[in-house]
C-alpha atoms as a PDB file:
ATOM      1  CA  MET A   1     162.970  62.880  90.386  1.00  0.00           C
ATOM      2  CA  ARG A   2     160.559  60.154  91.441  1.00  0.00           C
ATOM      3  CA  LEU A   3     160.556  61.044  95.143  1.00  0.00           C
ATOM      4  CA  GLN A   4     160.615  64.827  94.972  1.00  0.00           C
ATOM      5  CA  ASN A   5     159.124  66.383  98.138  1.00  0.00           C
ATOM      6  CA  LYS A   6     158.853  62.947  99.781  1.00  0.00           C
ATOM      7  CA  THR A   7     160.126  62.064 103.238  1.00  0.00           C
ATOM      8  CA  ALA A   8     161.199  58.517 104.095  1.00  0.00           C
ATOM      9  CA  LEU A   9     162.113  56.526 107.191  1.00  0.00           C
ATOM     10  CA  ILE A  10     164.538  53.634 106.665  1.00  0.00           C
ATOM     11  CA  THR A  11     165.323  51.373 109.607  1.00  0.00           C
ATOM     12  CA  GLY A  12     168.727  49.728 109.433  1.00  0.00           C
ATOM     13  CA  GLY A  13     169.746  52.410 106.957  1.00  0.00           C
ATOM     14  CA  ASN A  14     173.377  52.563 108.012  1.00  0.00           C
ATOM     15  CA  SER A  15     174.673  49.686 105.848  1.00  0.00           C
ATOM     16  CA  GLY A  16     173.845  47.154 103.150  1.00  0.00           C
ATOM     17  CA  ILE A  17     170.426  47.278 101.524  1.00  0.00           C
ATOM     18  CA  GLY A  18     169.220  50.062 103.816  1.00  0.00           C
ATOM     19  CA  LEU A  19     172.126  52.353 102.965  1.00  0.00           C
ATOM     20  CA  ALA A  20     171.878  51.611  99.245  1.00  0.00           C
ATOM     21  CA  THR A  21     168.174  52.464  99.405  1.00  0.00           C
ATOM     22  CA  ALA A  22     168.893  55.691 101.267  1.00  0.00           C
ATOM     23  CA  GLU A  23     171.287  56.700  98.503  1.00  0.00           C
ATOM     24  CA  ARG A  24     168.731  55.930  95.792  1.00  0.00           C
ATOM     25  CA  PHE A  25     165.977  57.815  97.629  1.00  0.00           C
ATOM     26  CA  ILE A  26     168.135  60.927  98.022  1.00  0.00           C
ATOM     27  CA  ALA A  27     169.186  60.759  94.374  1.00  0.00           C
ATOM     28  CA  GLU A  28     165.476  60.765  93.484  1.00  0.00           C
ATOM     29  CA  GLY A  29     164.723  63.844  95.583  1.00  0.00           C
ATOM     30  CA  ALA A  30     163.692  62.476  98.982  1.00  0.00           C
ATOM     31  CA  GLU A  31     164.650  63.612 102.444  1.00  0.00           C
ATOM     32  CA  ILE A  32     165.316  60.669 104.713  1.00  0.00           C
ATOM     33  CA  VAL A  33     165.699  59.508 108.273  1.00  0.00           C
ATOM     34  CA  ILE A  34     167.825  56.433 108.858  1.00  0.00           C
ATOM     35  CA  THR A  35     168.176  54.386 112.022  1.00  0.00           C
ATOM     36  CA  GLY A  36     170.828  51.956 113.169  1.00  0.00           C
ATOM     37  CA  ARG A  37     172.454  50.641 116.315  1.00  0.00           C
ATOM     38  CA  ASN A  38     176.120  51.183 115.450  1.00  0.00           C
ATOM     39  CA  GLN A  39     177.240  54.783 115.883  1.00  0.00           C
ATOM     40  CA  GLU A  40     180.367  54.304 113.768  1.00  0.00           C
ATOM     41  CA  THR A  41     178.454  53.081 110.724  1.00  0.00           C
ATOM     42  CA  LEU A  42     175.785  55.748 111.300  1.00  0.00           C
ATOM     43  CA  ASP A  43     178.474  58.437 111.229  1.00  0.00           C
ATOM     44  CA  ALA A  44     179.924  56.975 108.038  1.00  0.00           C
ATOM     45  CA  ALA A  45     176.448  56.839 106.498  1.00  0.00           C
ATOM     46  CA  VAL A  46     175.605  60.457 107.219  1.00  0.00           C
ATOM     47  CA  ALA A  47     178.972  61.557 105.827  1.00  0.00           C
ATOM     48  CA  LYS A  48     178.125  59.668 102.644  1.00  0.00           C
ATOM     49  CA  LEU A  49     174.482  60.747 102.380  1.00  0.00           C
ATOM     50  CA  GLY A  50     174.876  64.450 103.117  1.00  0.00           C
ATOM     51  CA  PRO A  51     172.467  67.080 104.447  1.00  0.00           C
ATOM     52  CA  LYS A  52     169.243  65.471 103.202  1.00  0.00           C
ATOM     53  CA  ALA A  53     169.675  62.633 105.712  1.00  0.00           C
ATOM     54  CA  LEU A  54     168.858  62.694 109.412  1.00  0.00           C
ATOM     55  CA  VAL A  55     170.479  59.936 111.475  1.00  0.00           C
ATOM     56  CA  VAL A  56     168.901  58.526 114.631  1.00  0.00           C
ATOM     57  CA  ARG A  57     170.657  55.925 116.731  1.00  0.00           C
ATOM     58  CA  ALA A  58     167.994  53.393 117.672  1.00  0.00           C
ATOM     59  CA  ASP A  59     167.616  49.719 118.486  1.00  0.00           C
ATOM     60  CA  VAL A  60     164.270  48.805 116.939  1.00  0.00           C
ATOM     61  CA  THR A  61     163.638  46.185 119.644  1.00  0.00           C
ATOM     62  CA  GLU A  62     163.746  48.706 122.496  1.00  0.00           C
ATOM     63  CA  ASP A  63     160.452  50.153 123.721  1.00  0.00           C
ATOM     64  CA  GLY A  64     159.978  53.656 122.372  1.00  0.00           C
ATOM     65  CA  ALA A  65     163.041  53.641 120.112  1.00  0.00           C
ATOM     66  CA  VAL A  66     161.147  53.654 116.827  1.00  0.00           C
ATOM     67  CA  ASP A  67     158.611  56.129 118.216  1.00  0.00           C
ATOM     68  CA  ALA A  68     161.520  58.463 118.979  1.00  0.00           C
ATOM     69  CA  ALA A  69     162.887  58.033 115.448  1.00  0.00           C
ATOM     70  CA  VAL A  70     159.483  58.825 113.973  1.00  0.00           C
ATOM     71  CA  ALA A  71     159.152  61.869 116.236  1.00  0.00           C
ATOM     72  CA  ALA A  72     162.564  63.076 115.055  1.00  0.00           C
ATOM     73  CA  ALA A  73     161.470  62.636 111.439  1.00  0.00           C
ATOM     74  CA  ILE A  74     158.280  64.631 111.999  1.00  0.00           C
ATOM     75  CA  LYS A  75     160.129  67.377 113.871  1.00  0.00           C
ATOM     76  CA  GLN A  76     162.696  67.683 111.072  1.00  0.00           C
ATOM     77  CA  PHE A  77     160.518  67.209 107.994  1.00  0.00           C
ATOM     78  CA  GLY A  78     156.909  67.563 109.127  1.00  0.00           C
ATOM     79  CA  LYS A  79     155.536  64.382 107.537  1.00  0.00           C
ATOM     80  CA  LEU A  80     156.237  60.822 106.425  1.00  0.00           C
ATOM     81  CA  ASP A  81     155.468  59.517 102.938  1.00  0.00           C
ATOM     82  CA  ILE A  82     157.538  56.323 102.892  1.00  0.00           C
ATOM     83  CA  VAL A  83     158.618  53.704 105.431  1.00  0.00           C
ATOM     84  CA  PHE A  84     161.139  50.999 104.564  1.00  0.00           C
ATOM     85  CA  ALA A  85     161.166  48.569 107.506  1.00  0.00           C
ATOM     86  CA  ASN A  86     164.507  47.050 106.656  1.00  0.00           C
ATOM     87  CA  ALA A  87     166.313  46.413 109.943  1.00  0.00           C
ATOM     88  CA  GLY A  88     167.026  42.734 110.489  1.00  0.00           C
ATOM     89  CA  ILE A  89     169.569  40.222 111.705  1.00  0.00           C
ATOM     90  CA  PRO A  90     170.690  36.801 110.452  1.00  0.00           C
ATOM     91  CA  GLY A  91     171.227  33.770 112.626  1.00  0.00           C
ATOM     92  CA  ALA A  92     171.375  29.995 112.556  1.00  0.00           C
ATOM     93  CA  THR A  93     168.882  28.120 114.751  1.00  0.00           C
ATOM     94  CA  PRO A  94     169.420  24.416 114.045  1.00  0.00           C
ATOM     95  CA  VAL A  95     167.228  21.878 115.804  1.00  0.00           C
ATOM     96  CA  GLY A  96     168.914  20.539 118.924  1.00  0.00           C
ATOM     97  CA  GLU A  97     171.420  23.407 119.164  1.00  0.00           C
ATOM     98  CA  THR A  98     169.246  26.487 119.686  1.00  0.00           C
ATOM     99  CA  ASP A  99     168.306  28.224 122.919  1.00  0.00           C
ATOM    100  CA  LEU A 100     165.147  30.235 123.475  1.00  0.00           C
ATOM    101  CA  ALA A 101     166.905  33.594 123.732  1.00  0.00           C
ATOM    102  CA  ARG A 102     168.541  33.256 120.314  1.00  0.00           C
ATOM    103  CA  PHE A 103     165.338  32.162 118.594  1.00  0.00           C
ATOM    104  CA  GLU A 104     163.300  34.944 120.175  1.00  0.00           C
ATOM    105  CA  GLN A 105     165.919  37.588 119.386  1.00  0.00           C
ATOM    106  CA  ILE A 106     165.662  36.877 115.657  1.00  0.00           C
ATOM    107  CA  ILE A 107     161.861  36.966 115.732  1.00  0.00           C
ATOM    108  CA  ARG A 108     161.873  40.148 117.816  1.00  0.00           C
ATOM    109  CA  VAL A 109     164.174  42.045 115.440  1.00  0.00           C
ATOM    110  CA  ASN A 110     162.935  40.700 112.121  1.00  0.00           C
ATOM    111  CA  LEU A 111     159.203  40.485 112.730  1.00  0.00           C
ATOM    112  CA  THR A 112     157.926  42.033 115.960  1.00  0.00           C
ATOM    113  CA  ALA A 113     159.932  45.232 115.516  1.00  0.00           C
ATOM    114  CA  VAL A 114     158.688  45.567 111.947  1.00  0.00           C
ATOM    115  CA  PHE A 115     155.083  45.655 113.126  1.00  0.00           C
ATOM    116  CA  PHE A 116     155.880  48.257 115.770  1.00  0.00           C
ATOM    117  CA  THR A 117     157.819  50.331 113.235  1.00  0.00           C
ATOM    118  CA  VAL A 118     154.714  50.473 111.063  1.00  0.00           C
ATOM    119  CA  GLN A 119     152.535  51.192 114.079  1.00  0.00           C
ATOM    120  CA  ALA A 120     154.780  54.042 115.238  1.00  0.00           C
ATOM    121  CA  ALA A 121     154.724  55.632 111.794  1.00  0.00           C
ATOM    122  CA  SER A 122     151.091  54.963 110.909  1.00  0.00           C
ATOM    123  CA  SER A 123     149.445  58.030 112.422  1.00  0.00           C
ATOM    124  CA  HIS A 124     151.974  60.308 110.703  1.00  0.00           C
ATOM    125  CA  LEU A 125     151.735  58.810 107.213  1.00  0.00           C
ATOM    126  CA  THR A 126     150.275  60.926 104.466  1.00  0.00           C
ATOM    127  CA  ALA A 127     147.382  59.692 102.336  1.00  0.00           C
ATOM    128  CA  GLY A 128     148.807  57.545  99.559  1.00  0.00           C
ATOM    129  CA  ALA A 129     151.963  56.749 101.537  1.00  0.00           C
ATOM    130  CA  SER A 130     154.034  53.647 100.811  1.00  0.00           C
ATOM    131  CA  ILE A 131     155.294  51.069 103.304  1.00  0.00           C
ATOM    132  CA  ILE A 132     157.831  48.493 102.172  1.00  0.00           C
ATOM    133  CA  LEU A 133     158.814  45.516 104.319  1.00  0.00           C
ATOM    134  CA  ASN A 134     161.950  43.454 103.773  1.00  0.00           C
ATOM    135  CA  GLY A 135     161.370  39.732 103.269  1.00  0.00           C
ATOM    136  CA  SER A 136     163.742  37.005 102.106  1.00  0.00           C
ATOM    137  CA  VAL A 137     163.893  33.921  99.903  1.00  0.00           C
ATOM    138  CA  HIS A 138     164.227  32.050 103.211  1.00  0.00           C
ATOM    139  CA  GLN A 139     160.462  32.402 103.603  1.00  0.00           C
ATOM    140  CA  VAL A 140     160.084  29.869 100.767  1.00  0.00           C
ATOM    141  CA  LEU A 141     163.217  27.779 100.323  1.00  0.00           C
ATOM    142  CA  GLY A 142     163.311  25.693 103.514  1.00  0.00           C
ATOM    143  CA  ILE A 143     167.026  26.221 104.096  1.00  0.00           C
ATOM    144  CA  PRO A 144     168.260  23.910 106.899  1.00  0.00           C
ATOM    145  CA  GLY A 145     169.220  25.530 110.195  1.00  0.00           C
ATOM    146  CA  ALA A 146     167.273  28.736 109.582  1.00  0.00           C
ATOM    147  CA  SER A 147     163.940  28.103 111.304  1.00  0.00           C
ATOM    148  CA  ALA A 148     163.750  31.405 113.208  1.00  0.00           C
ATOM    149  CA  TYR A 149     164.948  33.513 110.291  1.00  0.00           C
ATOM    150  CA  ALA A 150     162.605  31.757 107.849  1.00  0.00           C
ATOM    151  CA  ALA A 151     159.698  32.069 110.281  1.00  0.00           C
ATOM    152  CA  SER A 152     160.354  35.779 110.724  1.00  0.00           C
ATOM    153  CA  LYS A 153     160.399  36.366 106.976  1.00  0.00           C
ATOM    154  CA  GLY A 154     157.365  34.147 106.406  1.00  0.00           C
ATOM    155  CA  GLY A 155     155.639  36.294 108.994  1.00  0.00           C
ATOM    156  CA  ILE A 156     156.591  39.394 107.020  1.00  0.00           C
ATOM    157  CA  SER A 157     154.916  37.912 103.934  1.00  0.00           C
ATOM    158  CA  SER A 158     151.693  37.231 105.839  1.00  0.00           C
ATOM    159  CA  MET A 159     151.746  40.505 107.742  1.00  0.00           C
ATOM    160  CA  THR A 160     152.102  42.489 104.518  1.00  0.00           C
ATOM    161  CA  ARG A 161     148.672  41.338 103.373  1.00  0.00           C
ATOM    162  CA  VAL A 162     147.059  42.163 106.723  1.00  0.00           C
ATOM    163  CA  LEU A 163     148.608  45.629 106.867  1.00  0.00           C
ATOM    164  CA  ALA A 164     147.664  46.303 103.250  1.00  0.00           C
ATOM    165  CA  SER A 165     144.021  45.530 104.087  1.00  0.00           C
ATOM    166  CA  GLU A 166     144.070  47.540 107.281  1.00  0.00           C
ATOM    167  CA  LEU A 167     145.628  50.656 105.771  1.00  0.00           C
ATOM    168  CA  ALA A 168     143.861  50.576 102.394  1.00  0.00           C
ATOM    169  CA  PRO A 169     141.066  52.950 103.520  1.00  0.00           C
ATOM    170  CA  ARG A 170     143.718  55.661 103.874  1.00  0.00           C
ATOM    171  CA  GLY A 171     145.198  54.889 100.473  1.00  0.00           C
ATOM    172  CA  ILE A 172     148.392  53.596 102.087  1.00  0.00           C
ATOM    173  CA  ARG A 173     150.121  50.823 100.168  1.00  0.00           C
ATOM    174  CA  VAL A 174     152.028  47.995 101.867  1.00  0.00           C
ATOM    175  CA  ASN A 175     154.337  45.738  99.875  1.00  0.00           C
ATOM    176  CA  THR A 176     157.328  43.476 100.399  1.00  0.00           C
ATOM    177  CA  VAL A 177     160.647  43.221  98.620  1.00  0.00           C
ATOM    178  CA  VAL A 178     162.114  39.699  98.719  1.00  0.00           C
ATOM    179  CA  PRO A 179     165.896  39.638  98.301  1.00  0.00           C
ATOM    180  CA  GLY A 180     167.872  36.579  97.405  1.00  0.00           C
ATOM    181  CA  ALA A 181     171.560  36.204  98.257  1.00  0.00           C
ATOM    182  CA  THR A 182     172.952  39.739  98.114  1.00  0.00           C
ATOM    183  CA  ARG A 183     176.435  41.167  98.642  1.00  0.00           C
ATOM    184  CA  THR A 184     176.089  43.020 101.949  1.00  0.00           C
ATOM    185  CA  PRO A 185     177.871  43.067 105.339  1.00  0.00           C
ATOM    186  CA  ILE A 186     175.298  40.570 106.671  1.00  0.00           C
ATOM    187  CA  TRP A 187     177.649  37.765 105.574  1.00  0.00           C
ATOM    188  CA  ALA A 188     180.576  38.950 107.722  1.00  0.00           C
ATOM    189  CA  SER A 189     180.074  36.317 110.429  1.00  0.00           C
ATOM    190  CA  ARG A 190     180.011  33.459 107.900  1.00  0.00           C
ATOM    191  CA  ALA A 191     182.683  34.792 105.554  1.00  0.00           C
ATOM    192  CA  PRO A 192     185.007  37.157 107.437  1.00  0.00           C
ATOM    193  CA  THR A 193     187.747  37.304 104.765  1.00  0.00           C
ATOM    194  CA  PRO A 194     187.684  38.071 101.026  1.00  0.00           C
ATOM    195  CA  ASP A 195     188.659  34.494 100.201  1.00  0.00           C
ATOM    196  CA  ALA A 196     185.942  33.094 102.435  1.00  0.00           C
ATOM    197  CA  PHE A 197     183.372  35.363 100.825  1.00  0.00           C
ATOM    198  CA  SER A 198     184.514  34.372  97.331  1.00  0.00           C
ATOM    199  CA  ALA A 199     184.008  30.722  98.244  1.00  0.00           C
ATOM    200  CA  LEU A 200     180.578  31.448  99.731  1.00  0.00           C
ATOM    201  CA  GLU A 201     179.571  33.458  96.671  1.00  0.00           C
ATOM    202  CA  ALA A 202     180.697  30.718  94.306  1.00  0.00           C
ATOM    203  CA  GLY A 203     178.568  28.199  96.167  1.00  0.00           C
ATOM    204  CA  PHE A 204     175.466  30.380  96.178  1.00  0.00           C
ATOM    205  CA  SER A 205     175.870  31.331  92.537  1.00  0.00           C
ATOM    206  CA  ARG A 206     175.581  27.702  91.436  1.00  0.00           C
ATOM    207  CA  ALA A 207     172.006  27.684  92.759  1.00  0.00           C
ATOM    208  CA  ILE A 208     170.966  31.015  91.199  1.00  0.00           C
ATOM    209  CA  PRO A 209     169.651  30.787  87.619  1.00  0.00           C
ATOM    210  CA  LEU A 210     171.255  34.105  86.630  1.00  0.00           C
ATOM    211  CA  GLY A 211     174.529  32.781  88.017  1.00  0.00           C
ATOM    212  CA  HIS A 212     175.516  35.449  90.510  1.00  0.00           C
ATOM    213  CA  MET A 213     174.564  37.073  93.793  1.00  0.00           C
ATOM    214  CA  GLY A 214     172.730  40.369  93.748  1.00  0.00           C
ATOM    215  CA  GLU A 215     173.994  43.791  94.727  1.00  0.00           C
ATOM    216  CA  ALA A 216     172.400  45.946  97.412  1.00  0.00           C
ATOM    217  CA  GLU A 217     171.536  48.421  94.640  1.00  0.00           C
ATOM    218  CA  ASP A 218     169.393  45.762  92.932  1.00  0.00           C
ATOM    219  CA  ILE A 219     167.164  45.577  95.987  1.00  0.00           C
ATOM    220  CA  ALA A 220     167.219  49.351  96.420  1.00  0.00           C
ATOM    221  CA  ASN A 221     165.907  49.795  92.880  1.00  0.00           C
ATOM    222  CA  ALA A 222     162.917  47.557  93.646  1.00  0.00           C
ATOM    223  CA  VAL A 223     162.232  49.424  96.889  1.00  0.00           C
ATOM    224  CA  LEU A 224     162.436  52.726  94.999  1.00  0.00           C
ATOM    225  CA  PHE A 225     159.814  51.523  92.529  1.00  0.00           C
ATOM    226  CA  LEU A 226     157.451  50.437  95.325  1.00  0.00           C
ATOM    227  CA  ALA A 227     157.982  53.749  97.122  1.00  0.00           C
ATOM    228  CA  SER A 228     157.252  55.825  94.039  1.00  0.00           C
ATOM    229  CA  ASP A 229     153.980  56.863  92.439  1.00  0.00           C
ATOM    230  CA  GLU A 230     154.822  54.477  89.593  1.00  0.00           C
ATOM    231  CA  ALA A 231     153.544  51.740  91.931  1.00  0.00           C
ATOM    232  CA  LYS A 232     150.427  53.642  93.038  1.00  0.00           C
ATOM    233  CA  GLN A 233     148.130  50.715  92.143  1.00  0.00           C
ATOM    234  CA  ILE A 234     150.294  48.043  93.779  1.00  0.00           C
ATOM    235  CA  THR A 235     149.638  46.833  97.318  1.00  0.00           C
ATOM    236  CA  ALA A 236     149.843  43.517  99.181  1.00  0.00           C
ATOM    237  CA  ALA A 237     152.422  42.398  96.600  1.00  0.00           C
ATOM    238  CA  GLU A 238     155.915  40.943  96.690  1.00  0.00           C
ATOM    239  CA  ILE A 239     158.742  41.814  94.334  1.00  0.00           C
ATOM    240  CA  VAL A 240     161.293  39.012  94.333  1.00  0.00           C
ATOM    241  CA  VAL A 241     164.858  40.094  93.514  1.00  0.00           C
ATOM    242  CA  ASP A 242     166.771  36.821  93.621  1.00  0.00           C
ATOM    243  CA  GLY A 243     168.105  35.993  90.167  1.00  0.00           C
ATOM    244  CA  GLY A 244     165.386  33.385  89.710  1.00  0.00           C
ATOM    245  CA  HIS A 245     166.224  31.313  92.792  1.00  0.00           C
ATOM    246  CA  ILE A 246     162.586  30.926  93.865  1.00  0.00           C
ATOM    247  CA  GLY A 247     160.784  31.093  90.548  1.00  0.00           C
ATOM    248  CA  ALA A 248     163.032  29.092  88.237  1.00  0.00           C
ATOM    249  CA  PRO A 249     165.278  26.872  90.377  1.00  0.00           C
ATOM    250  CA  ALA A 250     165.721  24.279  87.642  1.00  0.00           C
ATOM    251  CA  GLY A 251     167.510  26.912  85.583  1.00  0.00           C
ATOM    252  CA  ALA A 252     170.385  27.204  88.066  1.00  0.00           C
ATOM    253  CA  PRO A 253     173.923  26.345  86.911  1.00  0.00           C
ATOM    254  CA  ILE A 254     174.033  23.353  89.273  1.00  0.00           C
ATOM    255  CA  TYR A 255     171.362  21.641  87.135  1.00  0.00           C
ATOM    256  CA  ARG A 256     172.802  22.427  83.711  1.00  0.00           C
ATOM    257  CA  THR A 257     174.406  19.693  81.678  1.00  0.00           C
END
């Protein structure tokens, strides 16, 4: 039980990577608080996770929302040992077709709210606590039409190193997990039907050296490692979980003879 007697806060824990991580944390002994905006998926999550999970409806971009979630966690469990700042949104922002509100919304959710999540939790974190931020291969790959999303995730990469320096005196570790294309509900707007998703997955898989998209559990396993004492000497680091997309692109099926 790698997280026995640990308490964790997971933003965006009601679906996808956040929910998979919540399940892994509970299986390893943790008590958790998850946040999300959608009450229906929050209700489904708590039914799935059971009594070791506290659910707080919160929009991480609203003033005071994360502070309230942290306060609920402290009231219920008395401390925080782990924060997984996972909440995020996708969105295309192509040059010539993007308005200011859309661009700023993506930055606000994916970057600004992450900082304020860490800030809200910081005074309650135990010595030796672990903070994990959620990055993306977009921060490296230069994918057309994704300027705001890529900028937000590039900001996460840079911010990780700053936070790791700032919190090191308290023994608090700050790291990033960097997912590649992963099977989660985030694709619903681009691929709303099973056939559409199969076509999308086939296209992505040609560019992934291991030949397939990841599962939410693959990312959750990396987050679990970073949250655990097994990673007690790791901070300001990134774990890339992308099937080799960043590190070995020439090995992708699309380049094979």
